[in-house]
């Protein structure tokens, strides 16, 4: 199957070409892999590195709050 895609934004074109150069692959191959990943059809799984596992787990810690407050103290002698 063949497609013709028009009006590719310059930034997208540049990124696809750069990735093709870096990976030593054809532009077509990198484009197909990118489309497959974007649609969730990629063979390899993509590991997302985010903070979802720790989001919402904050616990109040007065000692930590004091340590942070101490770091926010300005020494007037240093600002002369």
N, C-alpha and C. Protein backbone atom coordinates (compact mmCIF):
# COMPACT_ATOMS: atom_id res chain seq x y z
N UNK A 1 0.85 -1.17 0.00
CA UNK A 1 0.00 0.00 0.00
C UNK A 1 0.89 1.23 0.00
N UNK A 2 0.53 2.22 -0.77
CA UNK A 2 1.28 3.47 -0.81
C UNK A 2 0.37 4.64 -0.49
N UNK A 3 0.94 5.64 0.15
CA UNK A 3 0.24 6.87 0.48
C UNK A 3 1.07 8.04 -0.03
N UNK A 4 0.39 9.12 -0.31
CA UNK A 4 1.05 10.39 -0.57
C UNK A 4 0.57 11.35 0.51
N UNK A 5 1.50 11.90 1.24
CA UNK A 5 1.15 12.81 2.33
C UNK A 5 1.68 14.18 1.95
N UNK A 6 0.82 15.18 2.00
CA UNK A 6 1.21 16.53 1.61
C UNK A 6 1.21 17.46 2.81
N UNK A 7 1.84 18.61 2.61
CA UNK A 7 1.86 19.68 3.62
C UNK A 7 2.48 19.25 4.94
N UNK A 8 3.57 18.50 4.87
CA UNK A 8 4.29 18.10 6.07
C UNK A 8 4.93 19.35 6.68
N UNK A 9 4.65 19.67 7.94
CA UNK A 9 5.27 20.85 8.56
C UNK A 9 6.79 20.71 8.58
N UNK A 10 7.48 21.83 8.46
CA UNK A 10 8.94 21.83 8.42
C UNK A 10 9.55 21.15 9.64
N UNK A 11 9.00 21.42 10.81
CA UNK A 11 9.56 20.85 12.05
C UNK A 11 9.43 19.32 12.05
N UNK A 12 8.30 18.81 11.57
CA UNK A 12 8.10 17.37 11.51
C UNK A 12 9.06 16.74 10.50
N UNK A 13 9.20 17.37 9.35
CA UNK A 13 10.12 16.89 8.33
C UNK A 13 11.54 16.83 8.88
N UNK A 14 11.96 17.90 9.53
CA UNK A 14 13.32 17.95 10.08
C UNK A 14 13.55 16.87 11.12
N UNK A 15 12.57 16.67 12.00
CA UNK A 15 12.71 15.66 13.05
C UNK A 15 12.77 14.25 12.48
N UNK A 16 11.91 13.95 11.52
CA UNK A 16 11.92 12.62 10.90
C UNK A 16 13.25 12.37 10.19
N UNK A 17 13.74 13.36 9.48
CA UNK A 17 15.01 13.20 8.76
C UNK A 17 16.18 13.04 9.74
N UNK A 18 16.16 13.79 10.82
CA UNK A 18 17.22 13.67 11.83
C UNK A 18 17.22 12.28 12.45
N UNK A 19 16.04 11.79 12.79
CA UNK A 19 15.96 10.44 13.38
C UNK A 19 16.42 9.39 12.39
N UNK A 20 16.07 9.56 11.13
CA UNK A 20 16.52 8.60 10.11
C UNK A 20 18.04 8.59 10.03
N UNK A 21 18.65 9.78 10.04
CA UNK A 21 20.12 9.87 10.02
C UNK A 21 20.73 9.21 11.25
N UNK A 22 20.19 9.55 12.43
CA UNK A 22 20.73 9.01 13.68
C UNK A 22 20.63 7.48 13.73
N UNK A 23 19.51 6.96 13.27
CA UNK A 23 19.27 5.51 13.35
C UNK A 23 19.79 4.77 12.12
N UNK A 24 20.33 5.53 11.16
CA UNK A 24 20.83 4.94 9.92
C UNK A 24 19.75 4.10 9.24
N UNK A 25 18.57 4.71 9.14
CA UNK A 25 17.43 4.07 8.49
C UNK A 25 16.91 5.00 7.41
N UNK A 26 16.05 4.46 6.56
CA UNK A 26 15.45 5.31 5.53
C UNK A 26 14.38 6.20 6.15
N UNK A 27 14.12 7.30 5.49
CA UNK A 27 13.06 8.21 5.94
C UNK A 27 11.73 7.47 5.98
N UNK A 28 11.48 6.64 5.00
CA UNK A 28 10.23 5.87 4.94
C UNK A 28 10.10 4.95 6.16
N UNK A 29 11.19 4.24 6.49
CA UNK A 29 11.15 3.31 7.61
C UNK A 29 10.87 4.04 8.93
N UNK A 30 11.56 5.15 9.15
CA UNK A 30 11.36 5.91 10.37
C UNK A 30 9.94 6.48 10.43
N UNK A 31 9.43 6.94 9.30
CA UNK A 31 8.07 7.48 9.26
C UNK A 31 7.04 6.41 9.59
N UNK A 32 7.21 5.21 9.03
CA UNK A 32 6.28 4.12 9.32
C UNK A 32 6.34 3.72 10.80
N UNK A 33 7.55 3.64 11.36
CA UNK A 33 7.69 3.29 12.77
C UNK A 33 7.04 4.35 13.66
N UNK A 34 7.21 5.61 13.29
CA UNK A 34 6.63 6.71 14.07
C UNK A 34 5.11 6.66 14.02
N UNK A 35 4.55 6.42 12.85
CA UNK A 35 3.10 6.29 12.72
C UNK A 35 2.58 5.12 13.55
N UNK A 36 3.27 3.99 13.48
CA UNK A 36 2.84 2.81 14.24
C UNK A 36 2.87 3.08 15.74
N UNK A 37 3.94 3.73 16.21
CA UNK A 37 4.02 4.06 17.64
C UNK A 37 2.90 5.02 18.04
N UNK A 38 2.65 6.02 17.20
CA UNK A 38 1.62 7.00 17.50
C UNK A 38 0.23 6.39 17.58
N UNK A 39 0.02 5.32 16.83
CA UNK A 39 -1.28 4.65 16.82
C UNK A 39 -1.35 3.48 17.80
N UNK A 40 -0.26 3.26 18.54
CA UNK A 40 -0.24 2.16 19.50
C UNK A 40 -0.06 0.81 18.86
N UNK A 41 0.49 0.77 17.66
CA UNK A 41 0.66 -0.49 16.93
C UNK A 41 2.11 -0.96 16.87
N UNK A 42 2.99 -0.30 17.59
CA UNK A 42 4.42 -0.62 17.53
C UNK A 42 4.67 -1.99 18.14
N UNK A 43 5.67 -2.67 17.60
CA UNK A 43 6.04 -3.99 18.12
C UNK A 43 6.66 -3.88 19.50
N UNK A 44 7.51 -2.87 19.69
CA UNK A 44 8.15 -2.71 20.99
C UNK A 44 7.29 -1.82 21.87
N UNK A 45 7.38 -2.05 23.15
CA UNK A 45 6.63 -1.20 24.07
C UNK A 45 7.49 0.01 24.42
N UNK A 46 6.85 1.12 24.59
CA UNK A 46 7.54 2.35 24.94
C UNK A 46 7.39 2.56 26.44
N UNK A 47 8.50 2.72 27.11
CA UNK A 47 8.45 2.96 28.55
C UNK A 47 8.35 4.46 28.78
N UNK A 48 7.25 4.87 29.37
CA UNK A 48 7.05 6.28 29.67
C UNK A 48 7.67 6.59 31.02
N UNK A 49 8.42 7.66 31.07
CA UNK A 49 9.07 8.05 32.32
C UNK A 49 8.38 9.28 32.87
N UNK A 50 7.45 9.04 33.74
CA UNK A 50 6.73 10.15 34.35
C UNK A 50 6.63 9.90 35.85
N UNK A 51 5.87 10.69 36.52
CA UNK A 51 5.77 10.60 37.97
C UNK A 51 4.40 10.11 38.44
N UNK A 52 3.69 9.41 37.58
CA UNK A 52 2.35 8.94 37.95
C UNK A 52 2.35 8.05 39.18
N UNK A 53 3.42 7.30 39.39
CA UNK A 53 3.45 6.41 40.54
C UNK A 53 3.64 7.13 41.87
N UNK A 54 4.11 8.38 41.83
CA UNK A 54 4.29 9.12 43.08
C UNK A 54 3.34 10.31 43.21
N UNK A 55 2.62 10.62 42.17
CA UNK A 55 1.70 11.76 42.21
C UNK A 55 0.63 11.52 43.27
N UNK A 56 0.41 12.51 44.10
CA UNK A 56 -0.63 12.41 45.12
C UNK A 56 -0.21 11.68 46.37
N UNK A 57 1.07 11.39 46.52
CA UNK A 57 1.51 10.64 47.70
C UNK A 57 2.22 11.52 48.73
N UNK A 58 2.19 12.84 48.53
CA UNK A 58 2.88 13.76 49.44
C UNK A 58 2.34 13.64 50.85
N UNK A 59 3.24 13.60 51.80
CA UNK A 59 2.86 13.57 53.22
C UNK A 59 3.49 14.77 53.89
N UNK A 60 2.74 15.42 54.74
CA UNK A 60 3.25 16.57 55.48
C UNK A 60 4.41 16.14 56.36
N UNK A 61 5.47 16.94 56.37
CA UNK A 61 6.66 16.65 57.17
C UNK A 61 7.19 17.98 57.70
N UNK A 62 6.88 18.31 58.94
CA UNK A 62 7.30 19.59 59.50
C UNK A 62 8.82 19.79 59.46
N UNK A 63 9.61 18.75 59.65
CA UNK A 63 11.07 18.88 59.61
C UNK A 63 11.53 19.29 58.22
N UNK A 64 10.93 18.71 57.22
CA UNK A 64 11.26 19.08 55.83
C UNK A 64 10.88 20.52 55.57
N UNK A 65 9.70 20.92 56.02
CA UNK A 65 9.25 22.30 55.82
C UNK A 65 10.20 23.29 56.48
N UNK A 66 10.71 22.96 57.67
CA UNK A 66 11.67 23.83 58.35
C UNK A 66 12.98 23.91 57.56
N UNK A 67 13.44 22.79 57.05
CA UNK A 67 14.69 22.77 56.28
C UNK A 67 14.56 23.62 55.02
N UNK A 68 13.43 23.55 54.36
CA UNK A 68 13.20 24.36 53.16
C UNK A 68 13.10 25.83 53.54
N UNK A 69 12.44 26.14 54.63
CA UNK A 69 12.32 27.53 55.07
C UNK A 69 13.70 28.11 55.40
N UNK A 70 14.57 27.30 55.99
CA UNK A 70 15.93 27.76 56.28
C UNK A 70 16.68 28.10 55.00
N UNK A 71 16.44 27.37 53.94
CA UNK A 71 17.11 27.63 52.66
C UNK A 71 16.60 28.92 52.01
N UNK A 72 15.41 29.33 52.36
CA UNK A 72 14.83 30.56 51.80
C UNK A 72 15.25 31.81 52.56
N UNK A 73 16.01 31.64 53.64
CA UNK A 73 16.46 32.78 54.43
C UNK A 73 17.57 33.53 53.68
N UNK A 74 17.44 34.85 53.61
CA UNK A 74 18.42 35.68 52.93
C UNK A 74 19.34 36.30 53.96
N UNK A 75 20.65 36.14 53.76
CA UNK A 75 21.64 36.74 54.63
C UNK A 75 21.97 38.12 54.10
N UNK A 76 21.53 39.17 54.83
CA UNK A 76 21.75 40.54 54.34
C UNK A 76 23.20 40.88 54.11
N UNK A 77 24.12 40.26 54.85
CA UNK A 77 25.55 40.53 54.70
C UNK A 77 26.06 40.10 53.32
N UNK A 78 25.45 39.04 52.78
CA UNK A 78 25.87 38.55 51.46
C UNK A 78 25.38 39.43 50.32
N UNK A 79 24.43 40.31 50.59
CA UNK A 79 23.83 41.14 49.54
C UNK A 79 24.29 42.58 49.58
N UNK A 80 25.40 42.84 50.26
CA UNK A 80 25.92 44.20 50.31
C UNK A 80 26.81 44.48 49.13
